[in-house]
Protein backbone atom coordinates (compact mmCIF):
# COMPACT_ATOMS: atom_id res chain seq x y z
CA MET A 1 20.54 13.53 -15.58
CA LEU A 2 19.13 10.36 -14.69
CA THR A 3 22.65 8.51 -15.97
CA GLY A 4 26.02 9.42 -15.69
CA LYS A 5 29.18 7.62 -13.73
CA TYR A 6 28.50 9.58 -10.91
CA VAL A 7 24.78 8.77 -10.36
CA ASN A 8 25.10 5.49 -11.52
CA LYS A 9 26.69 4.00 -8.42
CA TYR A 10 24.24 5.39 -5.93
CA TYR A 11 21.36 3.64 -8.31
CA PHE A 12 23.36 0.27 -7.59
CA LYS A 13 23.91 0.95 -3.95
CA TYR A 14 20.63 1.67 -3.14
CA ILE A 15 18.90 -0.68 -5.54
CA ALA A 16 17.28 -2.33 -2.60
CA PHE A 17 15.64 0.01 -1.12
CA PHE A 18 13.96 1.22 -4.39
CA ILE A 19 13.00 -2.00 -5.37
CA ILE A 20 11.22 -2.42 -1.72
CA GLY A 21 10.02 1.33 -1.99
CA LEU A 22 8.22 0.17 -5.74
CA LEU A 23 6.46 -3.10 -4.14
CA SER A 24 5.67 -1.31 -1.34
CA LEU A 25 3.42 1.37 -3.54
CA LEU A 26 2.17 -0.98 -5.95
CA ALA A 27 0.97 -2.91 -2.64
CA VAL A 28 -0.63 0.17 -1.62
CA ASN A 29 -2.03 0.89 -4.87
CA TYR A 30 -3.37 -2.42 -5.17
CA PHE A 31 -5.29 -2.60 -1.85
CA GLN A 32 -6.77 0.71 -2.21
CA LEU A 33 -8.53 -0.45 -4.91
CA GLU A 34 -10.43 -2.90 -2.89
CA ILE A 35 -11.92 -0.54 -0.20
CA PRO A 36 -14.81 0.84 -2.97
CA GLU A 37 -15.68 -2.79 -3.74
CA ILE A 38 -16.04 -4.00 0.10
CA CYS A 39 -17.74 -0.22 0.73
CA GLY A 40 -20.03 -1.13 -2.57
CA SER A 41 -21.11 -4.86 -1.05
CA ILE A 42 -22.27 -3.24 2.45
CA VAL A 43 -24.01 -0.61 0.65
CA ASP A 44 -25.69 -3.28 -1.31
CA GLY A 45 -26.43 -5.96 1.57
CA ILE A 46 -27.68 -2.80 3.66
CA GLU A 47 -30.21 -1.94 0.61
CA ASP A 48 -31.24 -5.71 0.05
CA GLY A 49 -31.83 -6.61 4.02
CA THR A 50 -29.66 -9.32 3.45
CA LEU A 51 -26.58 -7.84 5.30
CA LEU A 52 -28.50 -6.78 8.51
CA ASP A 53 -29.77 -10.36 9.39
CA ASN A 54 -26.05 -11.93 8.76
CA HIS A 55 -23.43 -11.30 11.64
CA ASP A 56 -20.72 -13.23 10.34
CA LEU A 57 -20.68 -11.33 7.06
CA ILE A 58 -20.84 -7.95 8.60
CA VAL A 59 -17.84 -9.74 10.85
CA GLU A 60 -15.98 -10.28 7.62
CA LEU A 61 -16.26 -7.21 5.71
CA MET A 62 -15.26 -5.48 8.70
CA PHE A 63 -11.99 -7.50 9.81
CA ARG A 64 -11.21 -7.24 5.67
CA LEU A 65 -11.21 -3.41 6.02
CA GLY A 66 -9.45 -3.63 8.96
CA PHE A 67 -6.54 -5.94 7.47
CA ILE A 68 -6.63 -3.28 4.49
CA ALA A 69 -5.89 -0.27 6.45
CA PHE A 70 -3.18 -2.21 8.04
CA VAL A 71 -1.24 -3.11 4.98
CA LEU A 72 -1.79 0.58 3.50
CA PHE A 73 -0.30 1.66 6.88
CA ALA A 74 2.51 -0.17 6.67
CA GLY A 75 2.75 0.05 2.73
CA ARG A 76 2.82 3.78 2.90
CA PHE A 77 5.71 3.32 5.50
CA GLY A 78 7.33 1.30 3.93
CA TRP A 79 7.67 3.01 0.61
CA ARG A 80 8.18 6.52 2.01
CA TYR A 81 11.04 4.96 4.29
CA CYS A 82 12.81 3.04 1.55
CA ILE A 83 12.29 5.79 -1.58
CA ILE A 84 12.77 8.88 0.56
CA GLY A 85 15.54 7.26 2.86
CA ALA A 86 17.14 6.31 -0.02
CA ALA A 87 17.03 9.82 -1.51
CA GLU A 88 18.46 11.15 1.53
CA ARG A 89 21.34 8.53 2.18
CA ILE A 90 22.85 9.45 -1.70
CA GLU A 91 22.25 13.04 -0.25
CA ALA A 92 24.59 12.38 2.59
CA ASP A 93 26.68 10.57 0.39
């Protein structure tokens, strides 16, 4: 029962939470796809021997992985807070 005169008012009341939660979930899913690409470039660089000589590239890849880890942390917290929090608010109402 996703529609009805009693349920729809809660959808409209908490639509901002659902949209922010959905956008956070999409951001998390996008950045999760970047991790294998970065790890693949690390492995390829080690196999080629180019990564061992290039300290700046190692630092850049580590910063990218750290940034992605932060985005994943913040995004997962955000979508859980927004979507589960909206569900709890609906239940309380």
